[in-house]
N, C-alpha and C. Protein backbone atom coordinates (compact mmCIF):
# COMPACT_ATOMS: atom_id res chain seq x y z
N UNK A 1 -83.66 17.93 85.98
CA UNK A 1 -84.26 17.62 84.68
C UNK A 1 -85.46 16.70 84.87
N UNK A 2 -86.58 17.07 84.26
CA UNK A 2 -87.78 16.24 84.39
C UNK A 2 -87.68 15.00 83.52
N UNK A 3 -88.60 14.07 83.75
CA UNK A 3 -88.64 12.84 82.96
C UNK A 3 -88.88 13.17 81.49
N UNK A 4 -89.78 14.12 81.23
CA UNK A 4 -90.09 14.49 79.84
C UNK A 4 -88.89 15.14 79.16
N UNK A 5 -88.17 15.99 79.87
CA UNK A 5 -86.98 16.61 79.31
C UNK A 5 -85.93 15.55 78.98
N UNK A 6 -85.78 14.60 79.88
CA UNK A 6 -84.82 13.52 79.65
C UNK A 6 -85.19 12.72 78.41
N UNK A 7 -86.46 12.43 78.26
CA UNK A 7 -86.91 11.66 77.09
C UNK A 7 -86.65 12.42 75.79
N UNK A 8 -86.93 13.72 75.81
CA UNK A 8 -86.70 14.54 74.62
C UNK A 8 -85.23 14.56 74.25
N UNK A 9 -84.37 14.81 75.22
CA UNK A 9 -82.93 14.86 74.96
C UNK A 9 -82.42 13.50 74.47
N UNK A 10 -82.91 12.45 75.07
CA UNK A 10 -82.50 11.10 74.67
C UNK A 10 -82.86 10.84 73.21
N UNK A 11 -84.06 11.27 72.81
CA UNK A 11 -84.51 11.04 71.44
C UNK A 11 -83.67 11.84 70.45
N UNK A 12 -83.39 13.10 70.75
CA UNK A 12 -82.58 13.92 69.85
C UNK A 12 -81.17 13.33 69.72
N UNK A 13 -80.56 12.97 70.85
CA UNK A 13 -79.21 12.42 70.81
C UNK A 13 -79.18 11.09 70.08
N UNK A 14 -80.22 10.28 70.29
CA UNK A 14 -80.31 8.99 69.60
C UNK A 14 -80.31 9.19 68.08
N UNK A 15 -81.11 10.14 67.62
CA UNK A 15 -81.18 10.39 66.18
C UNK A 15 -79.89 11.02 65.67
N UNK A 16 -79.31 11.90 66.46
CA UNK A 16 -78.08 12.57 66.05
C UNK A 16 -76.92 11.58 65.92
N UNK A 17 -76.84 10.62 66.83
CA UNK A 17 -75.73 9.67 66.85
C UNK A 17 -76.02 8.39 66.06
N UNK A 18 -77.15 8.33 65.39
CA UNK A 18 -77.49 7.14 64.62
C UNK A 18 -76.44 6.89 63.53
N UNK A 19 -75.98 5.66 63.39
CA UNK A 19 -74.98 5.36 62.35
C UNK A 19 -75.52 5.56 60.93
N UNK A 20 -76.83 5.62 60.81
CA UNK A 20 -77.45 5.81 59.49
C UNK A 20 -77.60 7.27 59.12
N UNK A 21 -77.29 8.17 60.06
CA UNK A 21 -77.46 9.60 59.78
C UNK A 21 -76.43 10.09 58.78
N UNK A 22 -76.88 10.98 57.89
CA UNK A 22 -75.97 11.57 56.91
C UNK A 22 -74.95 12.47 57.61
N UNK A 23 -73.76 12.57 57.03
CA UNK A 23 -72.69 13.38 57.61
C UNK A 23 -72.87 14.86 57.33
N UNK A 24 -73.80 15.46 57.99
CA UNK A 24 -74.11 16.89 57.85
C UNK A 24 -74.69 17.38 59.16
N UNK A 25 -74.87 18.69 59.33
CA UNK A 25 -75.50 19.17 60.56
C UNK A 25 -76.89 18.57 60.76
N UNK A 26 -77.19 18.23 61.98
CA UNK A 26 -78.49 17.69 62.37
C UNK A 26 -79.37 18.88 62.73
N UNK A 27 -80.47 19.05 62.01
CA UNK A 27 -81.28 20.27 62.13
C UNK A 27 -82.52 20.01 62.97
N UNK A 28 -82.63 20.76 64.07
CA UNK A 28 -83.78 20.66 64.97
C UNK A 28 -84.54 21.98 64.93
N UNK A 29 -85.83 21.92 64.62
CA UNK A 29 -86.68 23.11 64.58
C UNK A 29 -87.49 23.20 65.87
N UNK A 30 -87.44 24.36 66.51
CA UNK A 30 -88.28 24.63 67.69
C UNK A 30 -89.33 25.63 67.27
N UNK A 31 -90.50 25.12 66.97
CA UNK A 31 -91.61 25.89 66.43
C UNK A 31 -92.57 26.26 67.57
N UNK A 32 -93.39 27.27 67.34
CA UNK A 32 -94.38 27.66 68.33
C UNK A 32 -94.87 29.06 68.05
N UNK A 33 -95.99 29.42 68.62
CA UNK A 33 -96.59 30.73 68.37
C UNK A 33 -95.99 31.78 69.31
N UNK A 34 -96.35 33.03 69.07
CA UNK A 34 -95.78 34.13 69.84
C UNK A 34 -96.05 34.02 71.33
N UNK A 35 -95.00 34.12 72.13
CA UNK A 35 -95.15 34.06 73.58
C UNK A 35 -95.18 32.66 74.15
N UNK A 36 -94.86 31.65 73.33
CA UNK A 36 -94.90 30.26 73.81
C UNK A 36 -93.69 29.90 74.65
N UNK A 37 -92.63 30.72 74.62
CA UNK A 37 -91.44 30.43 75.41
C UNK A 37 -90.33 29.77 74.62
N UNK A 38 -90.31 29.99 73.31
CA UNK A 38 -89.33 29.33 72.45
C UNK A 38 -87.89 29.72 72.77
N UNK A 39 -87.66 31.01 73.02
CA UNK A 39 -86.30 31.48 73.27
C UNK A 39 -85.71 30.84 74.52
N UNK A 40 -86.49 30.81 75.59
CA UNK A 40 -86.02 30.18 76.83
C UNK A 40 -85.81 28.68 76.64
N UNK A 41 -86.73 28.06 75.93
CA UNK A 41 -86.66 26.61 75.69
C UNK A 41 -85.38 26.26 74.93
N UNK A 42 -85.11 26.99 73.85
CA UNK A 42 -83.94 26.66 73.03
C UNK A 42 -82.64 26.98 73.78
N UNK A 43 -82.66 27.98 74.63
CA UNK A 43 -81.48 28.30 75.44
C UNK A 43 -81.14 27.14 76.36
N UNK A 44 -82.15 26.61 77.04
CA UNK A 44 -81.93 25.49 77.96
C UNK A 44 -81.52 24.23 77.19
N UNK A 45 -82.14 24.01 76.04
CA UNK A 45 -81.82 22.83 75.23
C UNK A 45 -80.38 22.90 74.73
N UNK A 46 -79.97 24.07 74.27
CA UNK A 46 -78.61 24.25 73.76
C UNK A 46 -77.58 24.02 74.85
N UNK A 47 -77.85 24.53 76.05
CA UNK A 47 -76.90 24.37 77.15
C UNK A 47 -76.69 22.91 77.52
N UNK A 48 -77.73 22.11 77.36
CA UNK A 48 -77.60 20.69 77.65
C UNK A 48 -76.91 19.94 76.52
N UNK A 49 -77.32 20.22 75.29
CA UNK A 49 -76.78 19.50 74.14
C UNK A 49 -75.32 19.83 73.85
N UNK A 50 -74.87 21.01 74.27
CA UNK A 50 -73.48 21.38 73.97
C UNK A 50 -72.48 20.50 74.71
N UNK A 51 -72.97 19.71 75.67
CA UNK A 51 -72.11 18.74 76.34
C UNK A 51 -71.84 17.53 75.44
N UNK A 52 -72.67 17.40 74.39
CA UNK A 52 -72.57 16.26 73.49
C UNK A 52 -71.81 16.60 72.22
N UNK A 53 -72.06 17.81 71.69
CA UNK A 53 -71.46 18.18 70.41
C UNK A 53 -71.51 19.70 70.24
N UNK A 54 -71.00 20.18 69.11
CA UNK A 54 -71.07 21.59 68.78
C UNK A 54 -72.51 21.97 68.48
N UNK A 55 -72.95 23.10 69.04
CA UNK A 55 -74.32 23.56 68.85
C UNK A 55 -74.32 24.94 68.20
N UNK A 56 -75.14 25.10 67.18
CA UNK A 56 -75.42 26.42 66.60
C UNK A 56 -76.89 26.73 66.82
N UNK A 57 -77.19 27.98 67.14
CA UNK A 57 -78.57 28.40 67.35
C UNK A 57 -78.89 29.56 66.43
N UNK A 58 -80.01 29.44 65.72
CA UNK A 58 -80.49 30.53 64.89
C UNK A 58 -81.87 30.95 65.37
N UNK A 59 -82.03 32.24 65.66
CA UNK A 59 -83.33 32.80 66.02
C UNK A 59 -83.90 33.47 64.78
N UNK A 60 -85.03 33.00 64.32
CA UNK A 60 -85.57 33.48 63.05
C UNK A 60 -85.84 34.98 63.05
N UNK A 61 -86.11 35.55 64.22
CA UNK A 61 -86.36 37.00 64.28
C UNK A 61 -85.10 37.81 63.97
N UNK A 62 -83.96 37.16 63.92
CA UNK A 62 -82.73 37.86 63.52
C UNK A 62 -82.60 37.95 62.00
N UNK A 63 -83.52 37.33 61.29
CA UNK A 63 -83.39 37.25 59.84
C UNK A 63 -84.64 37.76 59.12
N UNK A 64 -85.31 38.73 59.75
CA UNK A 64 -86.44 39.37 59.10
C UNK A 64 -85.92 40.42 58.12
N UNK A 65 -86.83 40.98 57.33
CA UNK A 65 -86.44 41.98 56.33
C UNK A 65 -86.69 43.38 56.87
N UNK A 66 -86.28 44.39 56.12
CA UNK A 66 -86.43 45.78 56.54
C UNK A 66 -87.90 46.17 56.64
N UNK A 67 -88.16 47.21 57.45
CA UNK A 67 -89.53 47.66 57.70
C UNK A 67 -90.33 47.93 56.44
N UNK A 68 -89.71 48.59 55.47
CA UNK A 68 -90.44 48.99 54.27
C UNK A 68 -90.92 47.80 53.45
N UNK A 69 -90.34 46.64 53.69
CA UNK A 69 -90.73 45.44 52.95
C UNK A 69 -91.84 44.66 53.65
N UNK A 70 -92.15 45.03 54.90
CA UNK A 70 -93.14 44.26 55.66
C UNK A 70 -94.20 45.10 56.34
N UNK A 71 -94.15 46.41 56.16
CA UNK A 71 -95.17 47.31 56.71
C UNK A 71 -95.68 48.24 55.62
N UNK A 72 -96.98 48.55 55.71
CA UNK A 72 -97.60 49.51 54.78
C UNK A 72 -97.38 49.12 53.32
N UNK A 73 -97.56 47.84 53.06
CA UNK A 73 -97.33 47.32 51.71
C UNK A 73 -98.60 47.30 50.86
N UNK A 74 -99.74 47.57 51.49
CA UNK A 74 -101.01 47.47 50.79
C UNK A 74 -101.74 46.17 51.07
N UNK A 75 -101.03 45.21 51.65
CA UNK A 75 -101.65 43.94 52.05
C UNK A 75 -102.18 44.06 53.48
N UNK A 76 -103.07 43.14 53.85
CA UNK A 76 -103.52 43.08 55.23
C UNK A 76 -102.33 42.82 56.15
N UNK A 77 -102.43 43.32 57.38
CA UNK A 77 -101.30 43.20 58.29
C UNK A 77 -100.92 41.74 58.58
N UNK A 78 -101.92 40.86 58.72
CA UNK A 78 -101.60 39.46 58.99
C UNK A 78 -100.85 38.85 57.82
N UNK A 79 -101.20 39.26 56.60
CA UNK A 79 -100.52 38.76 55.39
C UNK A 79 -99.07 39.23 55.38
N UNK A 80 -98.85 40.49 55.74
CA UNK A 80 -97.49 41.03 55.81
C UNK A 80 -96.64 40.21 56.78
N UNK A 81 -97.24 39.90 57.92
CA UNK A 81 -96.49 39.16 58.94
C UNK A 81 -96.17 37.74 58.48
N UNK A 82 -97.14 37.07 57.91
CA UNK A 82 -96.92 35.68 57.53
C UNK A 82 -96.05 35.53 56.29
N UNK A 83 -96.31 36.34 55.28
CA UNK A 83 -95.65 36.15 53.99
C UNK A 83 -94.48 37.11 53.71
N UNK A 84 -94.43 38.26 54.39
CA UNK A 84 -93.42 39.26 54.04
C UNK A 84 -92.40 39.53 55.15
N UNK A 85 -92.65 39.05 56.35
CA UNK A 85 -91.75 39.33 57.48
C UNK A 85 -90.35 38.76 57.24
N UNK A 86 -90.29 37.61 56.60
CA UNK A 86 -89.03 36.96 56.28
C UNK A 86 -88.91 36.77 54.78
N UNK A 87 -87.70 36.66 54.29
CA UNK A 87 -87.48 36.30 52.89
C UNK A 87 -87.58 34.79 52.82
N UNK A 88 -88.77 34.30 52.52
CA UNK A 88 -89.06 32.87 52.58
C UNK A 88 -88.16 32.07 51.66
N UNK A 89 -87.96 32.58 50.44
CA UNK A 89 -87.12 31.87 49.47
C UNK A 89 -85.67 31.82 49.92
N UNK A 90 -85.19 32.92 50.52
CA UNK A 90 -83.81 32.98 51.00
C UNK A 90 -83.58 31.96 52.11
N UNK A 91 -84.53 31.86 53.03
CA UNK A 91 -84.38 30.91 54.13
C UNK A 91 -84.46 29.48 53.62
N UNK A 92 -85.31 29.23 52.65
CA UNK A 92 -85.36 27.90 52.05
C UNK A 92 -84.01 27.54 51.43
N UNK A 93 -83.42 28.50 50.75
CA UNK A 93 -82.11 28.28 50.13
C UNK A 93 -81.05 27.97 51.17
N UNK A 94 -81.11 28.69 52.29
CA UNK A 94 -80.17 28.44 53.38
C UNK A 94 -80.34 27.04 53.96
N UNK A 95 -81.60 26.67 54.24
CA UNK A 95 -81.88 25.34 54.80
C UNK A 95 -81.43 24.24 53.84
N UNK A 96 -81.66 24.45 52.58
CA UNK A 96 -81.27 23.47 51.57
C UNK A 96 -79.76 23.27 51.55
N UNK A 97 -79.03 24.38 51.69
CA UNK A 97 -77.56 24.29 51.66
C UNK A 97 -77.02 23.61 52.91
N UNK A 98 -77.57 23.95 54.08
CA UNK A 98 -77.12 23.29 55.31
C UNK A 98 -77.45 21.81 55.26
N UNK A 99 -78.64 21.51 54.76
CA UNK A 99 -79.06 20.12 54.62
C UNK A 99 -78.14 19.37 53.66
N UNK A 100 -77.58 20.09 52.72
CA UNK A 100 -76.65 19.49 51.76
C UNK A 100 -75.20 19.55 52.22
N UNK A 101 -74.99 19.92 53.50
CA UNK A 101 -73.68 19.95 54.15
C UNK A 101 -72.78 21.08 53.69
N UNK A 102 -73.37 22.20 53.30
CA UNK A 102 -72.57 23.40 53.09
C UNK A 102 -72.20 23.94 54.46
N UNK A 103 -70.92 24.02 54.76
CA UNK A 103 -70.50 24.29 56.14
C UNK A 103 -70.18 25.75 56.43
N UNK A 104 -70.08 26.57 55.41
CA UNK A 104 -69.84 27.99 55.65
C UNK A 104 -70.77 28.79 54.75
N UNK A 105 -71.64 29.58 55.38
CA UNK A 105 -72.65 30.32 54.63
C UNK A 105 -72.70 31.77 55.09
N UNK A 106 -73.18 32.61 54.19
CA UNK A 106 -73.41 34.01 54.51
C UNK A 106 -74.91 34.23 54.70
N UNK A 107 -75.29 34.79 55.85
CA UNK A 107 -76.70 34.99 56.16
C UNK A 107 -77.01 36.48 56.32
N UNK A 108 -78.22 36.88 55.92
CA UNK A 108 -78.62 38.30 56.03
C UNK A 108 -79.17 38.60 57.43
N UNK A 109 -78.37 39.20 58.28
CA UNK A 109 -78.74 39.49 59.66
C UNK A 109 -79.41 40.86 59.75
N UNK A 110 -80.55 40.92 60.43
CA UNK A 110 -81.30 42.17 60.55
C UNK A 110 -80.85 42.96 61.77
N UNK A 111 -80.45 44.21 61.54
CA UNK A 111 -80.05 45.12 62.61
C UNK A 111 -81.25 46.00 62.96
N UNK A 112 -81.83 45.76 64.12
CA UNK A 112 -83.04 46.49 64.53
C UNK A 112 -82.78 47.98 64.76
N UNK A 113 -81.61 48.30 65.24
CA UNK A 113 -81.30 49.70 65.55
C UNK A 113 -81.30 50.57 64.31
N UNK A 114 -80.73 50.05 63.23
CA UNK A 114 -80.60 50.83 62.00
C UNK A 114 -81.62 50.43 60.94
N UNK A 115 -82.42 49.38 61.22
CA UNK A 115 -83.38 48.85 60.24
C UNK A 115 -82.68 48.54 58.92
N UNK A 116 -81.57 47.84 59.03
CA UNK A 116 -80.81 47.44 57.85
C UNK A 116 -80.44 45.97 57.96
N UNK A 117 -80.10 45.39 56.83
CA UNK A 117 -79.66 44.00 56.79
C UNK A 117 -78.18 43.96 56.43
N UNK A 118 -77.41 43.24 57.24
CA UNK A 118 -75.98 43.09 56.99
C UNK A 118 -75.66 41.60 56.86
N UNK A 119 -74.70 41.28 56.04
CA UNK A 119 -74.33 39.88 55.85
C UNK A 119 -73.34 39.43 56.92
N UNK A 120 -73.60 38.26 57.48
CA UNK A 120 -72.67 37.67 58.45
C UNK A 120 -72.35 36.25 58.01
N UNK A 121 -71.14 35.82 58.32
CA UNK A 121 -70.71 34.48 57.97
C UNK A 121 -70.93 33.54 59.15
N UNK A 122 -71.46 32.37 58.85
CA UNK A 122 -71.70 31.36 59.88
C UNK A 122 -71.10 30.04 59.42
N UNK A 123 -70.53 29.31 60.37
CA UNK A 123 -69.93 28.01 60.08
C UNK A 123 -70.76 26.92 60.74
N UNK A 124 -71.08 25.89 59.99
CA UNK A 124 -71.89 24.78 60.49
C UNK A 124 -71.12 23.49 60.28
N UNK A 125 -70.50 23.00 61.33
CA UNK A 125 -69.72 21.77 61.23
C UNK A 125 -70.62 20.58 60.93
N UNK A 126 -70.07 19.62 60.20
CA UNK A 126 -70.87 18.46 59.81
C UNK A 126 -71.39 17.69 61.02
N UNK A 127 -70.53 17.50 62.02
CA UNK A 127 -70.91 16.74 63.20
C UNK A 127 -71.41 17.68 64.30
N UNK A 128 -72.47 18.41 63.99
CA UNK A 128 -73.02 19.40 64.92
C UNK A 128 -74.54 19.36 64.87
N UNK A 129 -75.15 20.07 65.82
CA UNK A 129 -76.60 20.22 65.83
C UNK A 129 -76.94 21.69 65.63
N UNK A 130 -77.84 21.94 64.71
CA UNK A 130 -78.34 23.30 64.47
C UNK A 130 -79.75 23.41 65.03
N UNK A 131 -79.92 24.29 66.01
CA UNK A 131 -81.24 24.55 66.59
C UNK A 131 -81.80 25.82 65.95
N UNK A 132 -82.97 25.71 65.35
CA UNK A 132 -83.62 26.86 64.73
C UNK A 132 -84.90 27.15 65.50
N UNK A 133 -85.02 28.39 65.98
CA UNK A 133 -86.16 28.77 66.82
C UNK A 133 -86.94 29.89 66.18
N UNK A 134 -88.28 29.74 66.13
CA UNK A 134 -89.09 30.81 65.56
C UNK A 134 -90.52 30.38 65.30
N UNK A 135 -91.32 31.32 64.82
CA UNK A 135 -92.70 31.02 64.45
C UNK A 135 -92.76 30.57 62.99
N UNK A 136 -93.79 29.82 62.68
CA UNK A 136 -94.09 29.41 61.30
C UNK A 136 -92.98 28.56 60.68
N UNK A 137 -92.25 27.83 61.48
CA UNK A 137 -91.13 27.07 60.95
C UNK A 137 -91.55 25.89 60.08
N UNK A 138 -92.78 25.41 60.29
CA UNK A 138 -93.20 24.24 59.55
C UNK A 138 -93.95 24.58 58.26
N UNK A 139 -93.52 25.64 57.62
CA UNK A 139 -94.03 25.89 56.27
C UNK A 139 -93.64 24.70 55.40
N UNK A 140 -94.48 24.42 54.44
CA UNK A 140 -94.26 23.25 53.59
C UNK A 140 -92.88 23.27 52.94
N UNK A 141 -92.45 24.44 52.48
CA UNK A 141 -91.17 24.54 51.78
C UNK A 141 -89.96 24.43 52.69
N UNK A 142 -90.17 24.53 54.00
CA UNK A 142 -89.05 24.48 54.95
C UNK A 142 -88.96 23.15 55.69
N UNK A 143 -90.09 22.59 56.08
CA UNK A 143 -90.07 21.51 57.06
C UNK A 143 -89.38 20.25 56.58
N UNK A 144 -89.26 20.07 55.27
CA UNK A 144 -88.63 18.85 54.75
C UNK A 144 -87.14 18.79 55.05
N UNK A 145 -86.57 19.93 55.47
CA UNK A 145 -85.14 19.96 55.75
C UNK A 145 -84.81 19.66 57.22
N UNK A 146 -85.82 19.57 58.07
CA UNK A 146 -85.58 19.34 59.49
C UNK A 146 -85.44 17.85 59.79
N UNK A 147 -84.55 17.55 60.70
CA UNK A 147 -84.39 16.16 61.16
C UNK A 147 -85.28 15.85 62.35
N UNK A 148 -85.63 16.90 63.09
CA UNK A 148 -86.51 16.72 64.25
C UNK A 148 -87.21 18.04 64.50
N UNK A 149 -88.51 17.97 64.75
CA UNK A 149 -89.30 19.18 64.93
C UNK A 149 -90.06 19.12 66.25
N UNK A 150 -89.93 20.21 67.02
CA UNK A 150 -90.63 20.34 68.29
C UNK A 150 -91.60 21.51 68.17
N UNK A 151 -92.84 21.30 68.58
CA UNK A 151 -93.80 22.39 68.61
C UNK A 151 -94.15 22.69 70.05
N UNK A 152 -93.91 23.93 70.47
CA UNK A 152 -94.26 24.34 71.83
C UNK A 152 -95.71 24.82 71.84
N UNK A 153 -96.54 24.03 72.50
CA UNK A 153 -97.96 24.38 72.59
C UNK A 153 -98.21 25.09 73.92
N UNK A 154 -98.81 26.27 73.83
CA UNK A 154 -99.06 27.07 75.03
C UNK A 154 -100.40 27.76 74.88
N UNK A 155 -101.25 27.75 75.91
CA UNK A 155 -102.57 28.38 75.81
C UNK A 155 -102.47 29.86 75.44
N UNK A 156 -103.45 30.33 74.68
CA UNK A 156 -103.45 31.71 74.22
C UNK A 156 -103.43 32.69 75.38
N UNK A 157 -104.17 32.43 76.43
CA UNK A 157 -104.22 33.37 77.54
C UNK A 157 -102.86 33.57 78.20
N UNK A 158 -102.08 32.51 78.29
CA UNK A 158 -100.74 32.62 78.86
C UNK A 158 -99.84 33.39 77.89
N UNK A 159 -99.93 33.08 76.61
CA UNK A 159 -99.12 33.77 75.61
C UNK A 159 -99.48 35.26 75.56
N UNK A 160 -100.77 35.53 75.65
CA UNK A 160 -101.24 36.92 75.62
C UNK A 160 -100.68 37.70 76.79
N UNK A 161 -100.72 37.11 77.97
CA UNK A 161 -100.18 37.78 79.17
C UNK A 161 -98.69 38.08 79.00
N UNK A 162 -97.98 37.16 78.40
CA UNK A 162 -96.54 37.35 78.21
C UNK A 162 -96.23 38.48 77.23
N UNK A 163 -96.92 38.48 76.09
CA UNK A 163 -96.60 39.50 75.08
C UNK A 163 -97.02 40.88 75.54
N UNK A 164 -98.07 40.97 76.35
CA UNK A 164 -98.49 42.28 76.86
C UNK A 164 -97.42 42.86 77.80
N UNK A 165 -96.73 41.99 78.51
CA UNK A 165 -95.65 42.44 79.39
C UNK A 165 -94.35 42.67 78.62
N UNK A 166 -94.15 41.89 77.58
CA UNK A 166 -92.88 41.90 76.85
C UNK A 166 -92.78 43.00 75.80
N UNK A 167 -93.84 43.20 75.04
CA UNK A 167 -93.77 44.04 73.85
C UNK A 167 -94.18 45.49 74.11
N UNK A 168 -93.63 46.06 75.18
CA UNK A 168 -93.99 47.43 75.55
C UNK A 168 -93.46 48.46 74.55
N UNK A 169 -92.54 48.03 73.66
CA UNK A 169 -92.05 48.95 72.63
C UNK A 169 -93.18 49.37 71.68
N UNK A 170 -94.23 48.57 71.62
CA UNK A 170 -95.36 48.88 70.74
C UNK A 170 -96.18 50.03 71.31
N UNK A 171 -96.28 50.07 72.63
CA UNK A 171 -97.09 51.10 73.29
C UNK A 171 -97.72 50.55 74.55
N UNK A 172 -98.90 51.09 74.90
CA UNK A 172 -99.60 50.61 76.09
C UNK A 172 -100.34 49.30 75.78
N UNK A 173 -101.05 48.80 76.78
CA UNK A 173 -101.74 47.51 76.63
C UNK A 173 -102.72 47.54 75.46
N UNK A 174 -103.43 48.65 75.30
CA UNK A 174 -104.39 48.78 74.21
C UNK A 174 -103.71 48.70 72.85
N UNK A 175 -102.58 49.37 72.71
CA UNK A 175 -101.86 49.38 71.43
C UNK A 175 -101.28 48.01 71.11
N UNK A 176 -100.75 47.33 72.13
CA UNK A 176 -100.20 46.00 71.92
C UNK A 176 -101.29 45.03 71.50
N UNK A 177 -102.43 45.08 72.21
CA UNK A 177 -103.55 44.19 71.90
C UNK A 177 -104.05 44.42 70.48
N UNK A 178 -104.18 45.67 70.10
CA UNK A 178 -104.68 46.01 68.76
C UNK A 178 -103.76 45.46 67.68
N UNK A 179 -102.45 45.61 67.88
CA UNK A 179 -101.51 45.12 66.87
C UNK A 179 -101.55 43.60 66.78
N UNK A 180 -101.64 42.94 67.91
CA UNK A 180 -101.70 41.48 67.89
C UNK A 180 -102.98 40.98 67.24
N UNK A 181 -104.07 41.68 67.48
CA UNK A 181 -105.34 41.27 66.90
C UNK A 181 -105.34 41.43 65.39
N UNK A 182 -104.70 42.47 64.88
CA UNK A 182 -104.71 42.75 63.44
C UNK A 182 -103.59 42.04 62.69
N UNK A 183 -102.48 41.81 63.36
CA UNK A 183 -101.29 41.32 62.65
C UNK A 183 -100.89 39.89 63.03
N UNK A 184 -100.70 39.66 64.31
CA UNK A 184 -100.07 38.41 64.72
C UNK A 184 -101.04 37.24 64.90
N UNK A 185 -102.10 37.45 65.66
CA UNK A 185 -102.97 36.32 65.98
C UNK A 185 -103.72 35.78 64.77
N UNK A 186 -104.10 36.64 63.85
CA UNK A 186 -104.75 36.15 62.62
C UNK A 186 -103.78 35.30 61.82
N UNK A 187 -102.53 35.76 61.72
CA UNK A 187 -101.52 35.00 60.98
C UNK A 187 -101.26 33.65 61.65
N UNK A 188 -101.26 33.64 62.97
CA UNK A 188 -101.04 32.38 63.68
C UNK A 188 -102.19 31.39 63.44
N UNK A 189 -103.42 31.88 63.47
CA UNK A 189 -104.56 31.01 63.17
C UNK A 189 -104.49 30.47 61.75
N UNK A 190 -104.07 31.33 60.84
CA UNK A 190 -103.91 30.92 59.44
C UNK A 190 -102.87 29.80 59.33
N UNK A 191 -101.77 29.96 60.03
CA UNK A 191 -100.70 28.95 60.03
C UNK A 191 -101.19 27.62 60.58
N UNK A 192 -101.92 27.66 61.69
CA UNK A 192 -102.42 26.43 62.29
C UNK A 192 -103.33 25.68 61.34
N UNK A 193 -104.13 26.42 60.58
CA UNK A 193 -105.05 25.79 59.65
C UNK A 193 -104.33 25.32 58.38
N UNK A 194 -103.47 26.15 57.85
CA UNK A 194 -102.80 25.87 56.58
C UNK A 194 -101.76 24.75 56.69
N UNK A 195 -100.93 24.81 57.71
CA UNK A 195 -99.80 23.88 57.79
C UNK A 195 -99.97 22.77 58.83
N UNK A 196 -100.97 22.91 59.70
CA UNK A 196 -101.23 21.90 60.74
C UNK A 196 -99.95 21.48 61.47
N UNK A 197 -99.26 22.43 62.08
CA UNK A 197 -97.96 22.12 62.69
C UNK A 197 -98.01 21.12 63.85
N UNK A 198 -99.12 21.10 64.58
CA UNK A 198 -99.21 20.14 65.68
C UNK A 198 -99.25 18.71 65.16
N UNK A 199 -99.87 18.53 64.00
CA UNK A 199 -99.95 17.20 63.41
C UNK A 199 -98.63 16.80 62.74
N UNK A 200 -97.85 17.78 62.31
CA UNK A 200 -96.62 17.50 61.57
C UNK A 200 -95.41 17.32 62.47
N UNK A 201 -95.42 17.91 63.66
CA UNK A 201 -94.24 17.90 64.53
C UNK A 201 -93.92 16.51 65.07
N UNK A 202 -92.64 16.28 65.33
CA UNK A 202 -92.22 15.01 65.95
C UNK A 202 -92.54 15.00 67.43
N UNK A 203 -92.55 16.18 68.05
CA UNK A 203 -92.79 16.28 69.48
C UNK A 203 -93.65 17.49 69.78
N UNK A 204 -94.71 17.31 70.56
CA UNK A 204 -95.51 18.43 71.07
C UNK A 204 -95.11 18.64 72.52
N UNK A 205 -94.53 19.82 72.76
CA UNK A 205 -94.09 20.14 74.11
C UNK A 205 -95.09 21.09 74.76
N UNK A 206 -95.68 20.68 75.86
CA UNK A 206 -96.68 21.50 76.54
C UNK A 206 -95.96 22.54 77.38
N UNK A 207 -95.90 23.76 76.84
CA UNK A 207 -95.21 24.85 77.52
C UNK A 207 -96.12 25.53 78.52
N UNK A 208 -95.53 26.10 79.54
CA UNK A 208 -96.32 26.81 80.57
C UNK A 208 -95.75 28.19 80.82
């Protein structure tokens, strides 16, 4: 474990174990743009923190809506990605309930194989840590519910190289690049300008 990793873990545990903390799940947001390494980061973080307490992990890409609600809607592709990819109001409602110590909730899980949404039950113990990983987590309506926010900052060229290797389901390199240029990267730039996540986060983690 590096010195920086140790400092991060120490800070999270310090806040989680604070006697002044409310008796509800401690919510940590792992924010970052596409290809920044959020999934790997949260996996490693969860494996370490589970030695301290119960850990729940939510990947926001598991809670997107069906294709017909986010594609070919008549809006620009970047708008579809930013505003229609997730049910923003539903997620706000979920965060509000967890923040209010609702310990058993039903969440709309997206099944990619069937392009359908099914309800699943999740339990969030009061003395636990909830790690939420995804893009655009610091929307104004969401960020007030987080106890600690980490933003993974990673250069565009590194992120681009990763998504070109990862997202082969889209097609060849040309097709992947075209989709990112029209849908994802514009939305990410919009997010950086609108919500200023680097300025809002508690921790900026320089990802590689």
